[in-house]
């Protein structure tokens, strides 16, 4: 084999090695960005409470909306109509969740934050989650959550946790008495202490 053939062979091997390395990096990024979530959730999906992007508060075909407490859903729909009059669109990012879906979200939070205690600041257990009971809704985009922060008390819709400006629950007494004090995060909410 001549020197030029040896050089070409080595160059080709280096390119193949670099390409294989690049593919490994791309695969790792794809896993980090969501492939793992799809694989780990398995059969969990819309029927378990996952909500498609830009789901309307009026979409009764999505269980995450349709299985919300009727009083919460009614207040949310009235607020959404009034917000729309001010050119603010309200979407449901998350609503009702099955216990299995909530457990999956909790496992992911533990993996992300490193412990049950740290995860509890963001995700309740299936046994204590207001989402599983159909009593909580996460609203987006940020403009809609901000609109609800300012006007939601008129409908009894109140932000419950300071670290989750998108999370709303129905507190009918707030209409007359004002919004209740917020908890810093779900871990400080006595309802989650079971």
Protein backbone atom coordinates (compact mmCIF):
# COMPACT_ATOMS: atom_id res chain seq x y z
CA UNK A 1 0.00 0.00 0.00
CA UNK A 2 1.39 3.38 -0.97
CA UNK A 3 1.66 6.35 1.34
CA UNK A 4 -1.24 8.14 -0.40
CA UNK A 5 -3.47 5.04 -0.12
CA UNK A 6 -2.62 4.72 3.57
CA UNK A 7 -3.42 8.41 4.11
CA UNK A 8 -6.76 8.04 2.29
CA UNK A 9 -7.67 4.94 4.31
CA UNK A 10 -6.84 6.71 7.59
CA UNK A 11 -8.76 9.80 6.51
CA UNK A 12 -11.79 7.67 5.68
CA UNK A 13 -11.59 5.89 9.05
CA UNK A 14 -11.34 9.24 10.86
CA UNK A 15 -14.37 10.57 8.98
CA UNK A 16 -16.37 7.42 9.81
CA UNK A 17 -15.32 7.72 13.45
CA UNK A 18 -16.30 11.38 13.53
CA UNK A 19 -19.65 10.59 11.87
CA UNK A 20 -20.32 7.81 14.39
CA UNK A 21 -19.46 10.16 17.24
CA UNK A 22 -21.73 12.85 15.83
CA UNK A 23 -24.59 10.36 15.53
CA UNK A 24 -24.04 9.34 19.16
CA UNK A 25 -24.22 13.00 20.22
CA UNK A 26 -27.39 13.57 18.16
CA UNK A 27 -28.98 10.46 19.71
CA UNK A 28 -28.12 11.71 23.20
CA UNK A 29 -29.64 15.11 22.46
CA UNK A 30 -32.79 13.51 21.03
CA UNK A 31 -33.15 11.41 24.17
CA UNK A 32 -32.68 14.46 26.38
CA UNK A 33 -35.26 16.45 24.41
CA UNK A 34 -38.06 13.98 24.58
CA UNK A 35 -37.46 10.56 23.16
CA UNK A 36 -37.08 9.30 26.74
CA UNK A 37 -40.42 10.84 27.69
CA UNK A 38 -42.19 9.07 24.84
CA UNK A 39 -40.57 5.73 25.67
CA UNK A 40 -41.07 6.03 29.44
CA UNK A 41 -44.70 7.07 29.21
CA UNK A 42 -45.46 4.07 27.06
CA UNK A 43 -49.20 3.93 26.53
CA UNK A 44 -49.93 7.04 28.58
CA UNK A 45 -51.32 9.83 26.48
CA UNK A 46 -54.38 12.00 25.87
CA UNK A 47 -56.71 9.45 27.49
CA UNK A 48 -54.63 9.74 30.68
CA UNK A 49 -54.73 13.53 30.72
CA UNK A 50 -51.90 14.61 28.42
CA UNK A 51 -53.15 17.73 26.67
CA UNK A 52 -52.24 18.50 23.04
CA UNK A 53 -50.58 21.84 22.30
CA UNK A 54 -52.99 24.81 22.21
CA UNK A 55 -55.99 22.91 23.56
CA UNK A 56 -58.97 25.21 23.99
CA UNK A 57 -60.73 25.48 27.33
CA UNK A 58 -63.85 24.61 25.30
CA UNK A 59 -62.53 21.31 23.89
CA UNK A 60 -64.71 18.59 25.37
CA UNK A 61 -63.01 15.94 23.24
CA UNK A 62 -59.82 16.13 25.36
CA UNK A 63 -60.22 14.28 28.68
CA UNK A 64 -57.78 16.67 30.37
CA UNK A 65 -60.44 19.37 29.83
CA UNK A 66 -63.65 17.34 29.84
CA UNK A 67 -62.87 15.63 33.16
CA UNK A 68 -62.26 18.85 35.06
CA UNK A 69 -64.67 19.60 37.91
CA UNK A 70 -67.76 21.15 36.27
CA UNK A 71 -67.70 24.26 38.48
CA UNK A 72 -64.00 24.84 37.74
CA UNK A 73 -64.59 24.32 34.02
CA UNK A 74 -67.56 26.71 34.00
CA UNK A 75 -65.58 29.45 35.74
CA UNK A 76 -62.62 28.86 33.44
CA UNK A 77 -64.77 29.06 30.32
CA UNK A 78 -66.41 32.31 31.43
CA UNK A 79 -63.00 33.80 32.21
CA UNK A 80 -61.70 32.65 28.82
CA UNK A 81 -64.62 34.35 27.04
CA UNK A 82 -63.93 37.59 28.88
CA UNK A 83 -60.19 37.33 28.23
CA UNK A 84 -60.88 36.76 24.52
CA UNK A 85 -62.79 40.05 24.46
CA UNK A 86 -59.47 41.63 25.46
CA UNK A 87 -57.63 39.60 22.78
CA UNK A 88 -56.08 37.17 25.26
CA UNK A 89 -56.36 33.50 24.33
CA UNK A 90 -56.46 30.94 27.14
CA UNK A 91 -55.27 27.39 26.54
CA UNK A 92 -55.17 24.40 28.84
CA UNK A 93 -51.62 23.14 29.19
CA UNK A 94 -52.68 20.56 31.75
CA UNK A 95 -55.92 19.76 33.49
CA UNK A 96 -57.30 16.48 34.79
CA UNK A 97 -54.68 13.70 34.96
CA UNK A 98 -55.00 9.99 35.60
CA UNK A 99 -53.16 8.67 38.67
CA UNK A 100 -50.78 6.79 36.34
CA UNK A 101 -49.94 9.96 34.45
CA UNK A 102 -49.36 11.87 37.70
CA UNK A 103 -47.06 9.09 38.97
CA UNK A 104 -45.07 9.33 35.75
CA UNK A 105 -44.75 13.11 36.12
CA UNK A 106 -43.59 12.62 39.72
CA UNK A 107 -40.95 10.03 38.66
CA UNK A 108 -39.67 12.44 36.02
CA UNK A 109 -39.51 15.27 38.58
CA UNK A 110 -37.54 13.07 41.00
CA UNK A 111 -35.12 12.20 38.20
CA UNK A 112 -34.79 15.87 37.22
CA UNK A 113 -34.50 17.40 40.70
CA UNK A 114 -32.63 14.56 42.39
CA UNK A 115 -34.92 13.65 45.29
CA UNK A 116 -38.53 13.18 46.37
CA UNK A 117 -38.23 16.25 48.59
CA UNK A 118 -37.01 18.49 45.76
CA UNK A 119 -39.58 17.07 43.31
CA UNK A 120 -42.39 17.82 45.80
CA UNK A 121 -41.82 21.53 45.20
CA UNK A 122 -43.13 21.05 41.65
CA UNK A 123 -45.18 17.86 41.36
CA UNK A 124 -47.60 16.36 43.91
CA UNK A 125 -48.15 12.66 44.32
CA UNK A 126 -51.06 10.95 42.57
CA UNK A 127 -52.77 10.63 45.95
CA UNK A 128 -52.64 14.37 46.71
CA UNK A 129 -52.68 16.06 43.30
CA UNK A 130 -55.50 18.50 42.60
CA UNK A 131 -55.03 17.61 38.92
CA UNK A 132 -55.94 13.95 39.55
CA UNK A 133 -59.09 15.11 41.34
CA UNK A 134 -59.95 17.38 38.37
CA UNK A 135 -59.65 20.45 40.59
CA UNK A 136 -56.66 22.18 38.98
CA UNK A 137 -55.77 23.57 35.60
CA UNK A 138 -52.50 24.88 34.17
CA UNK A 139 -53.13 27.80 31.81
CA UNK A 140 -51.01 29.16 29.01
CA UNK A 141 -49.55 31.05 27.33
CA UNK A 142 -47.93 33.36 29.91
CA UNK A 143 -50.18 36.25 28.80
CA UNK A 144 -53.27 34.19 29.69
CA UNK A 145 -51.85 33.20 33.08
CA UNK A 146 -51.04 36.87 33.72
CA UNK A 147 -54.57 37.87 32.72
CA UNK A 148 -55.98 35.30 35.15
CA UNK A 149 -53.61 36.50 37.86
CA UNK A 150 -55.12 39.96 37.51
CA UNK A 151 -58.77 39.07 36.84
CA UNK A 152 -59.29 35.43 37.91
CA UNK A 153 -60.55 36.24 41.40
CA UNK A 154 -63.76 37.63 39.79
CA UNK A 155 -64.49 34.04 38.70
CA UNK A 156 -63.10 32.38 41.82
CA UNK A 157 -60.03 31.25 39.89
CA UNK A 158 -56.96 31.62 42.06
CA UNK A 159 -53.27 30.99 41.67
CA UNK A 160 -52.37 28.62 44.51
CA UNK A 161 -48.55 28.39 44.32
CA UNK A 162 -46.11 31.28 43.91
CA UNK A 163 -43.69 29.09 41.94
CA UNK A 164 -46.42 28.05 39.46
CA UNK A 165 -48.05 31.16 37.94
CA UNK A 166 -49.89 28.92 35.46
CA UNK A 167 -51.65 26.72 38.09
CA UNK A 168 -55.23 27.72 39.00
CA UNK A 169 -57.86 26.21 41.23
CA UNK A 170 -61.44 27.26 41.96
CA UNK A 171 -61.99 29.12 45.23
CA UNK A 172 -65.60 30.47 44.96
CA UNK A 173 -65.27 32.31 48.28
CA UNK A 174 -62.56 34.47 46.67
CA UNK A 175 -65.22 36.28 44.67
CA UNK A 176 -66.49 37.95 47.85
CA UNK A 177 -63.51 37.66 50.20
CA UNK A 178 -60.52 38.01 47.89
CA UNK A 179 -57.88 35.51 46.93
CA UNK A 180 -56.49 33.28 49.65
CA UNK A 181 -52.81 33.47 50.56
CA UNK A 182 -50.58 31.51 48.22
CA UNK A 183 -48.23 28.71 49.20
CA UNK A 184 -44.63 29.07 48.04
CA UNK A 185 -44.90 25.69 46.28
CA UNK A 186 -46.91 22.44 46.45
CA UNK A 187 -44.68 21.03 49.22
CA UNK A 188 -45.99 23.75 51.57
CA UNK A 189 -49.64 22.95 50.83
CA UNK A 190 -51.11 20.90 53.74
CA UNK A 191 -53.29 19.02 51.24
CA UNK A 192 -50.12 17.35 49.91
CA UNK A 193 -48.80 16.15 53.29
CA UNK A 194 -50.33 12.68 53.26
